[in-house]
Amino acid sequence: MTQLYDLAKSNRQDLTQQTLLANSFKKDMQAIKAMYFPRLNAFYNYNTFFTSLDQRSLREQFLRIYPQNTLGIGLTIPIFTNFQSRLEVGRSRVAYENQVLQKESIDRKVYQEVKLSYQNYLAALRKEKNAQVQVLAAEEAFNAVNERFRLGLSSFVEVSTANQTLVRAQADQAQAVYTLYFQDVLMKFALGTLDF
């Protein structure tokens, strides 16, 4: 069971997705914590325009007369932010913890699905083996009753009943084979190894 669960953990896309989401929310929380620290911003801005009131050419107005270059540095110190940074960090922490809980929930769900499908597969396997034994027993009983009927020791009703039992056993065997097949498919789905 442990090996099957480990296989499911490595193959299930929903579990991988939830793990990546939890890591994403954790990194988001860490990025928001950076708002506690001062920030230094450097910027450069180039601006120009053209007017039809000026008789000079478009190229001369754009490139020589009206261009404006702005270069600047900004320093932001989060002293008086009305606890906005703390609020954002608290929100991101709650979102991260919710995502971790969601991941644990999906982890438990995967474990339960693997365990249930494994137990159902074992039950279907036992049912299929039992159905084989039932068919063999029904065939032997039918042959015995048929031989007794041939010798005149039993009635047609007994032969009919034995035949009916044999047909029912064969139908149960066919049903058990298909149940085993579908349980195998469900097991592969729970493990994340099902090829579409």
N, C-alpha and C. Protein backbone atom coordinates (compact mmCIF):
# COMPACT_ATOMS: atom_id res chain seq x y z
N MET A 1 0.83 -1.20 0.00
CA MET A 1 0.00 0.00 0.00
C MET A 1 0.87 1.26 0.00
N THR A 2 1.97 1.22 0.76
CA THR A 2 2.86 2.39 0.82
C THR A 2 3.48 2.66 -0.54
N GLN A 3 3.88 1.60 -1.24
CA GLN A 3 4.47 1.77 -2.56
C GLN A 3 3.45 2.33 -3.55
N LEU A 4 2.22 1.87 -3.46
CA LEU A 4 1.17 2.38 -4.34
C LEU A 4 0.90 3.86 -4.07
N TYR A 5 0.88 4.22 -2.79
CA TYR A 5 0.64 5.62 -2.43
C TYR A 5 1.79 6.50 -2.93
N ASP A 6 3.03 6.03 -2.79
CA ASP A 6 4.17 6.79 -3.29
C ASP A 6 4.11 6.95 -4.81
N LEU A 7 3.67 5.89 -5.48
CA LEU A 7 3.50 5.96 -6.93
C LEU A 7 2.43 6.98 -7.30
N ALA A 8 1.34 6.99 -6.56
CA ALA A 8 0.27 7.96 -6.81
C ALA A 8 0.74 9.38 -6.55
N LYS A 9 1.53 9.57 -5.48
CA LYS A 9 2.04 10.91 -5.17
C LYS A 9 2.94 11.44 -6.28
N SER A 10 3.68 10.55 -6.92
CA SER A 10 4.58 11.01 -7.98
C SER A 10 3.87 11.18 -9.32
N ASN A 11 2.70 10.55 -9.50
CA ASN A 11 2.03 10.58 -10.80
C ASN A 11 0.77 11.42 -10.86
N ARG A 12 0.11 11.67 -9.74
CA ARG A 12 -1.17 12.38 -9.77
C ARG A 12 -0.96 13.85 -10.07
N GLN A 13 -1.65 14.34 -11.09
CA GLN A 13 -1.51 15.73 -11.51
C GLN A 13 -2.16 16.70 -10.51
N ASP A 14 -3.28 16.29 -9.91
CA ASP A 14 -3.96 17.19 -8.97
C ASP A 14 -3.11 17.44 -7.74
N LEU A 15 -2.39 16.42 -7.29
CA LEU A 15 -1.52 16.59 -6.13
C LEU A 15 -0.32 17.47 -6.48
N THR A 16 0.24 17.27 -7.66
CA THR A 16 1.35 18.11 -8.11
C THR A 16 0.91 19.55 -8.26
N GLN A 17 -0.27 19.75 -8.82
CA GLN A 17 -0.81 21.10 -8.99
C GLN A 17 -0.97 21.79 -7.64
N GLN A 18 -1.52 21.07 -6.67
CA GLN A 18 -1.75 21.67 -5.36
C GLN A 18 -0.44 22.00 -4.66
N THR A 19 0.58 21.15 -4.84
CA THR A 19 1.89 21.42 -4.26
C THR A 19 2.48 22.68 -4.87
N LEU A 20 2.36 22.82 -6.17
CA LEU A 20 2.89 24.02 -6.84
C LEU A 20 2.12 25.27 -6.42
N LEU A 21 0.80 25.13 -6.24
CA LEU A 21 0.02 26.27 -5.76
C LEU A 21 0.44 26.69 -4.36
N ALA A 22 0.67 25.73 -3.48
CA ALA A 22 1.10 26.06 -2.12
C ALA A 22 2.46 26.75 -2.15
N ASN A 23 3.38 26.28 -2.99
CA ASN A 23 4.68 26.94 -3.11
C ASN A 23 4.53 28.35 -3.66
N SER A 24 3.61 28.52 -4.61
CA SER A 24 3.36 29.84 -5.18
C SER A 24 2.85 30.82 -4.12
N PHE A 25 1.90 30.36 -3.30
CA PHE A 25 1.36 31.22 -2.26
C PHE A 25 2.42 31.54 -1.21
N LYS A 26 3.31 30.60 -0.94
CA LYS A 26 4.39 30.86 0.02
C LYS A 26 5.33 31.93 -0.52
N LYS A 27 5.69 31.83 -1.80
CA LYS A 27 6.57 32.84 -2.40
C LYS A 27 5.89 34.19 -2.49
N ASP A 28 4.57 34.18 -2.71
CA ASP A 28 3.82 35.42 -2.73
C ASP A 28 3.85 36.08 -1.35
N MET A 29 3.70 35.28 -0.31
CA MET A 29 3.76 35.80 1.05
C MET A 29 5.14 36.39 1.34
N GLN A 30 6.19 35.70 0.90
CA GLN A 30 7.54 36.21 1.11
C GLN A 30 7.77 37.51 0.34
N ALA A 31 7.21 37.61 -0.85
CA ALA A 31 7.35 38.84 -1.63
C ALA A 31 6.62 40.00 -0.95
N ILE A 32 5.46 39.72 -0.38
CA ILE A 32 4.70 40.79 0.29
C ILE A 32 5.42 41.22 1.57
N LYS A 33 6.15 40.30 2.21
CA LYS A 33 6.92 40.68 3.40
C LYS A 33 8.01 41.70 3.06
N ALA A 34 8.40 41.75 1.79
CA ALA A 34 9.42 42.72 1.38
C ALA A 34 8.89 44.15 1.50
N MET A 35 7.58 44.31 1.62
CA MET A 35 7.00 45.65 1.78
C MET A 35 7.35 46.26 3.14
N TYR A 36 7.85 45.47 4.07
CA TYR A 36 8.29 45.99 5.36
C TYR A 36 9.57 46.82 5.23
N PHE A 37 10.34 46.57 4.21
CA PHE A 37 11.65 47.18 4.07
C PHE A 37 11.58 48.39 3.14
N PRO A 38 12.52 49.32 3.29
CA PRO A 38 12.57 50.47 2.37
C PRO A 38 12.85 50.00 0.95
N ARG A 39 12.33 50.77 -0.02
CA ARG A 39 12.53 50.43 -1.42
C ARG A 39 13.17 51.60 -2.13
N LEU A 40 14.11 51.28 -2.99
CA LEU A 40 14.79 52.27 -3.79
C LEU A 40 14.42 52.04 -5.25
N ASN A 41 13.87 53.04 -5.89
CA ASN A 41 13.44 52.94 -7.27
C ASN A 41 14.26 53.90 -8.12
N ALA A 42 14.74 53.45 -9.24
CA ALA A 42 15.41 54.31 -10.21
C ALA A 42 14.58 54.27 -11.49
N PHE A 43 14.45 55.43 -12.15
CA PHE A 43 13.63 55.46 -13.36
C PHE A 43 14.21 56.45 -14.36
N TYR A 44 13.83 56.21 -15.61
CA TYR A 44 14.21 57.08 -16.72
C TYR A 44 12.98 57.23 -17.60
N ASN A 45 12.73 58.45 -18.04
CA ASN A 45 11.57 58.71 -18.87
C ASN A 45 11.98 59.61 -20.02
N TYR A 46 11.59 59.24 -21.23
CA TYR A 46 11.84 60.05 -22.43
C TYR A 46 10.49 60.47 -22.98
N ASN A 47 10.32 61.79 -23.22
CA ASN A 47 9.04 62.30 -23.65
C ASN A 47 9.28 63.35 -24.73
N THR A 48 8.45 63.35 -25.74
CA THR A 48 8.53 64.37 -26.79
C THR A 48 7.15 64.56 -27.39
N PHE A 49 6.97 65.61 -28.19
CA PHE A 49 5.68 65.83 -28.83
C PHE A 49 5.88 66.63 -30.11
N PHE A 50 4.82 66.76 -30.88
CA PHE A 50 4.81 67.51 -32.13
C PHE A 50 3.60 68.43 -32.11
N THR A 51 3.79 69.65 -32.61
CA THR A 51 2.67 70.58 -32.73
C THR A 51 2.66 71.17 -34.14
N SER A 52 1.49 71.40 -34.64
CA SER A 52 1.37 71.98 -35.98
C SER A 52 1.51 73.50 -35.95
N LEU A 53 1.53 74.09 -34.77
CA LEU A 53 1.70 75.54 -34.65
C LEU A 53 3.15 75.96 -34.92
N ASP A 54 4.04 75.03 -34.72
CA ASP A 54 5.45 75.29 -34.97
C ASP A 54 5.75 74.93 -36.42
N GLN A 55 6.46 75.81 -37.15
CA GLN A 55 6.71 75.61 -38.56
C GLN A 55 7.87 74.65 -38.85
N ARG A 56 8.57 74.24 -37.86
CA ARG A 56 9.70 73.35 -38.09
C ARG A 56 9.24 71.95 -38.45
N SER A 57 10.13 71.15 -38.97
CA SER A 57 9.78 69.80 -39.45
C SER A 57 9.48 68.86 -38.27
N LEU A 58 8.77 67.82 -38.62
CA LEU A 58 8.41 66.81 -37.61
C LEU A 58 9.66 66.22 -36.97
N ARG A 59 10.63 65.87 -37.76
CA ARG A 59 11.86 65.27 -37.24
C ARG A 59 12.59 66.22 -36.30
N GLU A 60 12.65 67.48 -36.67
CA GLU A 60 13.36 68.45 -35.83
C GLU A 60 12.62 68.67 -34.52
N GLN A 61 11.26 68.73 -34.56
CA GLN A 61 10.49 68.91 -33.33
C GLN A 61 10.61 67.69 -32.42
N PHE A 62 10.52 66.51 -33.00
CA PHE A 62 10.58 65.27 -32.20
C PHE A 62 11.94 65.05 -31.58
N LEU A 63 12.97 65.26 -32.35
CA LEU A 63 14.29 64.83 -31.90
C LEU A 63 15.16 65.95 -31.31
N ARG A 64 14.92 67.21 -31.68
CA ARG A 64 15.83 68.24 -31.21
C ARG A 64 15.20 69.29 -30.30
N ILE A 65 13.98 69.69 -30.57
CA ILE A 65 13.43 70.85 -29.87
C ILE A 65 12.63 70.46 -28.63
N TYR A 66 11.71 69.48 -28.74
CA TYR A 66 10.78 69.18 -27.64
C TYR A 66 11.10 67.93 -26.82
N PRO A 67 12.15 67.22 -27.03
CA PRO A 67 12.35 66.04 -26.19
C PRO A 67 12.67 66.42 -24.75
N GLN A 68 12.16 65.59 -23.85
CA GLN A 68 12.43 65.79 -22.42
C GLN A 68 12.93 64.48 -21.85
N ASN A 69 14.03 64.52 -21.18
CA ASN A 69 14.61 63.36 -20.52
C ASN A 69 14.47 63.55 -19.02
N THR A 70 13.93 62.55 -18.37
CA THR A 70 13.77 62.62 -16.92
C THR A 70 14.47 61.42 -16.32
N LEU A 71 15.34 61.68 -15.40
CA LEU A 71 16.07 60.64 -14.70
C LEU A 71 15.82 60.86 -13.22
N GLY A 72 15.49 59.79 -12.50
CA GLY A 72 15.17 60.00 -11.10
C GLY A 72 15.42 58.79 -10.22
N ILE A 73 15.45 59.06 -8.96
CA ILE A 73 15.60 58.02 -7.95
C ILE A 73 14.54 58.31 -6.89
N GLY A 74 13.85 57.25 -6.47
CA GLY A 74 12.84 57.39 -5.44
C GLY A 74 13.12 56.46 -4.28
N LEU A 75 12.98 56.95 -3.10
CA LEU A 75 13.17 56.14 -1.90
C LEU A 75 11.86 56.11 -1.13
N THR A 76 11.36 54.91 -0.87
CA THR A 76 10.12 54.74 -0.12
C THR A 76 10.44 54.05 1.19
N ILE A 77 10.12 54.72 2.27
CA ILE A 77 10.35 54.15 3.60
C ILE A 77 8.98 53.90 4.23
N PRO A 78 8.66 52.64 4.48
CA PRO A 78 7.31 52.31 4.98
C PRO A 78 7.15 52.53 6.48
N ILE A 79 7.15 53.79 6.88
CA ILE A 79 6.97 54.09 8.30
C ILE A 79 5.50 54.34 8.60
N PHE A 80 4.90 55.20 7.83
CA PHE A 80 3.50 55.55 8.06
C PHE A 80 2.64 55.00 6.92
N THR A 81 2.36 53.72 6.94
CA THR A 81 1.53 53.10 5.90
C THR A 81 0.21 52.59 6.47
N ASN A 82 -0.15 53.06 7.64
CA ASN A 82 -1.41 52.67 8.28
C ASN A 82 -1.55 51.16 8.40
N PHE A 83 -0.48 50.49 8.65
CA PHE A 83 -0.43 49.04 8.83
C PHE A 83 -0.92 48.29 7.58
N GLN A 84 -0.87 48.92 6.41
CA GLN A 84 -1.27 48.25 5.18
C GLN A 84 -0.37 47.06 4.89
N SER A 85 0.93 47.24 5.14
CA SER A 85 1.87 46.14 4.87
C SER A 85 1.55 44.94 5.77
N ARG A 86 1.29 45.21 7.02
CA ARG A 86 0.94 44.10 7.93
C ARG A 86 -0.35 43.42 7.52
N LEU A 87 -1.31 44.20 7.07
CA LEU A 87 -2.57 43.64 6.61
C LEU A 87 -2.36 42.74 5.41
N GLU A 88 -1.57 43.20 4.45
CA GLU A 88 -1.31 42.41 3.25
C GLU A 88 -0.55 41.13 3.59
N VAL A 89 0.41 41.23 4.50
CA VAL A 89 1.16 40.03 4.92
C VAL A 89 0.23 39.06 5.63
N GLY A 90 -0.65 39.56 6.48
CA GLY A 90 -1.60 38.69 7.16
C GLY A 90 -2.54 38.00 6.18
N ARG A 91 -3.02 38.74 5.20
CA ARG A 91 -3.89 38.14 4.18
C ARG A 91 -3.15 37.06 3.39
N SER A 92 -1.92 37.37 3.01
CA SER A 92 -1.17 36.38 2.23
C SER A 92 -0.83 35.15 3.07
N ARG A 93 -0.58 35.34 4.36
CA ARG A 93 -0.31 34.19 5.23
C ARG A 93 -1.55 33.30 5.36
N VAL A 94 -2.71 33.92 5.51
CA VAL A 94 -3.96 33.15 5.59
C VAL A 94 -4.20 32.40 4.27
N ALA A 95 -3.95 33.06 3.15
CA ALA A 95 -4.13 32.40 1.85
C ALA A 95 -3.17 31.23 1.71
N TYR A 96 -1.94 31.41 2.17
CA TYR A 96 -0.95 30.32 2.11
C TYR A 96 -1.37 29.15 3.00
N GLU A 97 -1.81 29.46 4.23
CA GLU A 97 -2.23 28.39 5.14
C GLU A 97 -3.46 27.66 4.60
N ASN A 98 -4.38 28.39 3.96
CA ASN A 98 -5.54 27.73 3.33
C ASN A 98 -5.09 26.81 2.21
N GLN A 99 -4.10 27.24 1.45
CA GLN A 99 -3.59 26.42 0.36
C GLN A 99 -2.89 25.16 0.90
N VAL A 100 -2.20 25.29 2.02
CA VAL A 100 -1.56 24.13 2.65
C VAL A 100 -2.63 23.15 3.13
N LEU A 101 -3.71 23.67 3.72
CA LEU A 101 -4.81 22.81 4.16
C LEU A 101 -5.46 22.11 2.96
N GLN A 102 -5.61 22.84 1.86
CA GLN A 102 -6.17 22.25 0.65
C GLN A 102 -5.26 21.13 0.13
N LYS A 103 -3.96 21.36 0.20
CA LYS A 103 -2.99 20.34 -0.25
C LYS A 103 -3.10 19.10 0.64
N GLU A 104 -3.19 19.29 1.95
CA GLU A 104 -3.34 18.15 2.86
C GLU A 104 -4.64 17.40 2.59
N SER A 105 -5.70 18.15 2.28
CA SER A 105 -6.98 17.53 1.97
C SER A 105 -6.88 16.67 0.72
N ILE A 106 -6.25 17.19 -0.30
CA ILE A 106 -6.10 16.41 -1.54
C ILE A 106 -5.17 15.23 -1.31
N ASP A 107 -4.16 15.41 -0.47
CA ASP A 107 -3.26 14.31 -0.13
C ASP A 107 -4.03 13.17 0.54
N ARG A 108 -4.90 13.52 1.48
CA ARG A 108 -5.73 12.50 2.14
C ARG A 108 -6.69 11.86 1.15
N LYS A 109 -7.25 12.67 0.27
CA LYS A 109 -8.19 12.15 -0.73
C LYS A 109 -7.49 11.16 -1.66
N VAL A 110 -6.28 11.48 -2.07
CA VAL A 110 -5.52 10.57 -2.94
C VAL A 110 -5.24 9.27 -2.21
N TYR A 111 -4.85 9.37 -0.93
CA TYR A 111 -4.59 8.16 -0.15
C TYR A 111 -5.84 7.29 -0.05
N GLN A 112 -6.97 7.93 0.22
CA GLN A 112 -8.23 7.18 0.34
C GLN A 112 -8.62 6.54 -0.99
N GLU A 113 -8.44 7.28 -2.08
CA GLU A 113 -8.77 6.72 -3.39
C GLU A 113 -7.88 5.53 -3.73
N VAL A 114 -6.59 5.65 -3.42
CA VAL A 114 -5.66 4.55 -3.71
C VAL A 114 -6.03 3.34 -2.85
N LYS A 115 -6.29 3.57 -1.57
CA LYS A 115 -6.62 2.46 -0.68
C LYS A 115 -7.93 1.79 -1.10
N LEU A 116 -8.94 2.59 -1.42
CA LEU A 116 -10.23 2.03 -1.83
C LEU A 116 -10.10 1.26 -3.14
N SER A 117 -9.40 1.83 -4.10
CA SER A 117 -9.27 1.13 -5.38
C SER A 117 -8.44 -0.14 -5.24
N TYR A 118 -7.44 -0.12 -4.36
CA TYR A 118 -6.63 -1.32 -4.13
C TYR A 118 -7.48 -2.42 -3.49
N GLN A 119 -8.26 -2.05 -2.48
CA GLN A 119 -9.11 -3.05 -1.82
C GLN A 119 -10.20 -3.56 -2.77
N ASN A 120 -10.77 -2.68 -3.57
CA ASN A 120 -11.77 -3.12 -4.55
C ASN A 120 -11.14 -4.03 -5.60
N TYR A 121 -9.90 -3.74 -5.99
CA TYR A 121 -9.21 -4.58 -6.96
C TYR A 121 -8.97 -5.97 -6.37
N LEU A 122 -8.52 -6.02 -5.10
CA LEU A 122 -8.30 -7.32 -4.46
C LEU A 122 -9.60 -8.10 -4.34
N ALA A 123 -10.69 -7.40 -3.99
CA ALA A 123 -11.99 -8.07 -3.88
C ALA A 123 -12.44 -8.59 -5.24
N ALA A 124 -12.23 -7.81 -6.30
CA ALA A 124 -12.62 -8.25 -7.64
C ALA A 124 -11.77 -9.44 -8.08
N LEU A 125 -10.51 -9.45 -7.68
CA LEU A 125 -9.63 -10.57 -8.00
C LEU A 125 -10.11 -11.85 -7.32
N ARG A 126 -10.47 -11.72 -6.03
CA ARG A 126 -11.00 -12.89 -5.30
C ARG A 126 -12.33 -13.35 -5.89
N LYS A 127 -13.17 -12.39 -6.26
CA LYS A 127 -14.47 -12.74 -6.83
C LYS A 127 -14.29 -13.48 -8.16
N GLU A 128 -13.31 -13.06 -8.95
CA GLU A 128 -13.07 -13.71 -10.23
C GLU A 128 -12.55 -15.14 -10.02
N LYS A 129 -11.68 -15.34 -9.04
CA LYS A 129 -11.19 -16.70 -8.74
C LYS A 129 -12.32 -17.57 -8.20
N ASN A 130 -13.17 -17.00 -7.35
CA ASN A 130 -14.32 -17.76 -6.83
C ASN A 130 -15.28 -18.13 -7.97
N ALA A 131 -15.44 -17.22 -8.91
CA ALA A 131 -16.33 -17.50 -10.05
C ALA A 131 -15.77 -18.64 -10.89
N GLN A 132 -14.45 -18.71 -11.04
CA GLN A 132 -13.84 -19.82 -11.77
C GLN A 132 -14.14 -21.15 -11.07
N VAL A 133 -14.00 -21.15 -9.75
CA VAL A 133 -14.28 -22.37 -8.98
C VAL A 133 -15.76 -22.74 -9.10
N GLN A 134 -16.65 -21.74 -9.06
CA GLN A 134 -18.07 -22.01 -9.20
C GLN A 134 -18.39 -22.62 -10.57
N VAL A 135 -17.74 -22.12 -11.62
CA VAL A 135 -17.98 -22.66 -12.95
C VAL A 135 -17.51 -24.11 -13.01
N LEU A 136 -16.34 -24.38 -12.45
CA LEU A 136 -15.85 -25.76 -12.44
C LEU A 136 -16.80 -26.68 -11.67
N ALA A 137 -17.26 -26.21 -10.52
CA ALA A 137 -18.19 -27.02 -9.72
C ALA A 137 -19.51 -27.22 -10.46
N ALA A 138 -20.01 -26.18 -11.11
CA ALA A 138 -21.27 -26.29 -11.84
C ALA A 138 -21.12 -27.22 -13.04
N GLU A 139 -19.96 -27.16 -13.70
CA GLU A 139 -19.73 -28.07 -14.83
C GLU A 139 -19.69 -29.53 -14.36
N GLU A 140 -19.02 -29.78 -13.24
CA GLU A 140 -18.96 -31.13 -12.70
C GLU A 140 -20.35 -31.61 -12.29
N ALA A 141 -21.11 -30.73 -11.65
CA ALA A 141 -22.47 -31.11 -11.24
C ALA A 141 -23.34 -31.37 -12.46
N PHE A 142 -23.21 -30.52 -13.49
CA PHE A 142 -24.00 -30.72 -14.70
C PHE A 142 -23.62 -32.04 -15.38
N ASN A 143 -22.32 -32.33 -15.45
CA ASN A 143 -21.89 -33.59 -16.08
C ASN A 143 -22.41 -34.80 -15.29
N ALA A 144 -22.37 -34.69 -13.95
CA ALA A 144 -22.85 -35.81 -13.13
C ALA A 144 -24.36 -36.02 -13.31
N VAL A 145 -25.12 -34.92 -13.27
CA VAL A 145 -26.57 -35.03 -13.43
C VAL A 145 -26.91 -35.48 -14.84
N ASN A 146 -26.19 -35.00 -15.82
CA ASN A 146 -26.41 -35.40 -17.21
C ASN A 146 -26.14 -36.90 -17.39
N GLU A 147 -25.06 -37.39 -16.76
CA GLU A 147 -24.76 -38.83 -16.84
C GLU A 147 -25.84 -39.65 -16.14
N ARG A 148 -26.31 -39.16 -14.97
CA ARG A 148 -27.40 -39.86 -14.27
C ARG A 148 -28.68 -39.85 -15.09
N PHE A 149 -28.92 -38.72 -15.81
CA PHE A 149 -30.10 -38.65 -16.66
C PHE A 149 -29.98 -39.65 -17.83
N ARG A 150 -28.77 -39.76 -18.37
CA ARG A 150 -28.54 -40.70 -19.47
C ARG A 150 -28.78 -42.14 -19.02
N LEU A 151 -28.44 -42.42 -17.76
CA LEU A 151 -28.65 -43.76 -17.21
C LEU A 151 -30.08 -43.96 -16.71
N GLY A 152 -30.86 -42.87 -16.69
CA GLY A 152 -32.25 -42.97 -16.27
C GLY A 152 -32.43 -42.85 -14.77
N LEU A 153 -31.43 -42.32 -14.07
CA LEU A 153 -31.51 -42.21 -12.61
C LEU A 153 -32.00 -40.84 -12.13
N SER A 154 -32.08 -39.87 -13.04
CA SER A 154 -32.57 -38.55 -12.63
C SER A 154 -33.52 -38.03 -13.69
N SER A 155 -34.27 -36.99 -13.31
CA SER A 155 -35.32 -36.47 -14.20
C SER A 155 -34.77 -35.30 -15.04
N PHE A 156 -35.60 -34.90 -15.98
CA PHE A 156 -35.26 -33.78 -16.84
C PHE A 156 -35.19 -32.47 -16.04
N VAL A 157 -35.97 -32.37 -14.97
CA VAL A 157 -35.98 -31.18 -14.13
C VAL A 157 -34.63 -31.00 -13.46
N GLU A 158 -34.03 -32.09 -13.01
CA GLU A 158 -32.71 -32.00 -12.38
C GLU A 158 -31.65 -31.56 -13.39
N VAL A 159 -31.73 -32.05 -14.61
CA VAL A 159 -30.80 -31.65 -15.67
C VAL A 159 -30.99 -30.16 -15.97
N SER A 160 -32.23 -29.73 -16.06
CA SER A 160 -32.53 -28.33 -16.33
C SER A 160 -32.01 -27.43 -15.22
N THR A 161 -32.19 -27.87 -13.96
CA THR A 161 -31.70 -27.10 -12.82
C THR A 161 -30.17 -27.02 -12.83
N ALA A 162 -29.51 -28.14 -13.13
CA ALA A 162 -28.04 -28.16 -13.19
C ALA A 162 -27.55 -27.27 -14.33
N ASN A 163 -28.26 -27.29 -15.46
CA ASN A 163 -27.89 -26.44 -16.59
C ASN A 163 -28.07 -24.97 -16.23
N GLN A 164 -29.16 -24.68 -15.54
CA GLN A 164 -29.42 -23.30 -15.12
C GLN A 164 -28.33 -22.83 -14.15
N THR A 165 -27.91 -23.69 -13.25
CA THR A 165 -26.84 -23.35 -12.31
C THR A 165 -25.53 -23.10 -13.05
N LEU A 166 -25.24 -23.92 -14.06
CA LEU A 166 -24.03 -23.75 -14.86
C LEU A 166 -24.06 -22.43 -15.62
N VAL A 167 -25.19 -22.11 -16.24
CA VAL A 167 -25.31 -20.84 -16.97
C VAL A 167 -25.15 -19.65 -16.03
N ARG A 168 -25.76 -19.72 -14.85
CA ARG A 168 -25.64 -18.65 -13.87
C ARG A 168 -24.18 -18.49 -13.42
N ALA A 169 -23.48 -19.60 -13.21
CA ALA A 169 -22.08 -19.55 -12.81
C ALA A 169 -21.22 -18.95 -13.92
N GLN A 170 -21.50 -19.29 -15.18
CA GLN A 170 -20.75 -18.72 -16.29
C GLN A 170 -21.02 -17.21 -16.44
N ALA A 171 -22.28 -16.81 -16.21
CA ALA A 171 -22.62 -15.38 -16.25
C ALA A 171 -21.91 -14.63 -15.12
N ASP A 172 -21.89 -15.25 -13.93
CA ASP A 172 -21.18 -14.63 -12.80
C ASP A 172 -19.69 -14.52 -13.10
N GLN A 173 -19.14 -15.52 -13.78
CA GLN A 173 -17.72 -15.47 -14.12
C GLN A 173 -17.46 -14.33 -15.12
N ALA A 174 -18.30 -14.20 -16.12
CA ALA A 174 -18.14 -13.12 -17.09
C ALA A 174 -18.25 -11.76 -16.40
N GLN A 175 -19.21 -11.64 -15.50
CA GLN A 175 -19.37 -10.38 -14.75
C GLN A 175 -18.13 -10.11 -13.90
N ALA A 176 -17.59 -11.14 -13.27
CA ALA A 176 -16.40 -10.99 -12.43
C ALA A 176 -15.19 -10.56 -13.25
N VAL A 177 -15.07 -11.10 -14.46
CA VAL A 177 -13.94 -10.72 -15.34
C VAL A 177 -14.04 -9.24 -15.71
N TYR A 178 -15.23 -8.78 -16.09
CA TYR A 178 -15.39 -7.37 -16.43
C TYR A 178 -15.24 -6.46 -15.21
N THR A 179 -15.71 -6.91 -14.06
CA THR A 179 -15.52 -6.13 -12.84
C THR A 179 -14.04 -6.00 -12.53
N LEU A 180 -13.29 -7.08 -12.69
CA LEU A 180 -11.85 -7.05 -12.46
C LEU A 180 -11.17 -6.08 -13.43
N TYR A 181 -11.60 -6.09 -14.69
CA TYR A 181 -11.03 -5.18 -15.68
C TYR A 181 -11.29 -3.72 -15.28
N PHE A 182 -12.53 -3.41 -14.91
CA PHE A 182 -12.86 -2.04 -14.55
C PHE A 182 -12.17 -1.62 -13.25
N GLN A 183 -12.02 -2.54 -12.31
CA GLN A 183 -11.29 -2.20 -11.09
C GLN A 183 -9.82 -1.94 -11.39
N ASP A 184 -9.28 -2.65 -12.37
CA ASP A 184 -7.90 -2.40 -12.80
C ASP A 184 -7.79 -0.99 -13.39
N VAL A 185 -8.77 -0.59 -14.20
CA VAL A 185 -8.77 0.76 -14.78
C VAL A 185 -8.89 1.81 -13.68
N LEU A 186 -9.79 1.58 -12.72
CA LEU A 186 -9.95 2.52 -11.61
C LEU A 186 -8.68 2.61 -10.76
N MET A 187 -8.00 1.49 -10.59
CA MET A 187 -6.74 1.48 -9.84
C MET A 187 -5.68 2.32 -10.56
N LYS A 188 -5.59 2.14 -11.87
CA LYS A 188 -4.63 2.94 -12.64
C LYS A 188 -4.97 4.41 -12.59
N PHE A 189 -6.26 4.73 -12.60
CA PHE A 189 -6.67 6.13 -12.49
C PHE A 189 -6.28 6.70 -11.13
N ALA A 190 -6.52 5.95 -10.06
CA ALA A 190 -6.16 6.42 -8.72
C ALA A 190 -4.66 6.59 -8.57
N LEU A 191 -3.89 5.77 -9.25
CA LEU A 191 -2.43 5.88 -9.18
C LEU A 191 -1.89 6.94 -10.13
N GLY A 192 -2.70 7.41 -11.04
CA GLY A 192 -2.24 8.42 -11.99
C GLY A 192 -1.46 7.83 -13.15
N THR A 193 -1.60 6.52 -13.38
CA THR A 193 -0.85 5.86 -14.46
C THR A 193 -1.75 5.47 -15.62
N LEU A 194 -2.98 5.92 -15.64
CA LEU A 194 -3.91 5.56 -16.70
C LEU A 194 -3.56 6.33 -17.97
N ASP A 195 -3.38 5.60 -19.06
CA ASP A 195 -3.11 6.21 -20.36
C ASP A 195 -4.42 6.39 -21.09
N PHE A 196 -4.65 7.58 -21.59
CA PHE A 196 -5.90 7.87 -22.29
C PHE A 196 -5.76 7.58 -23.76
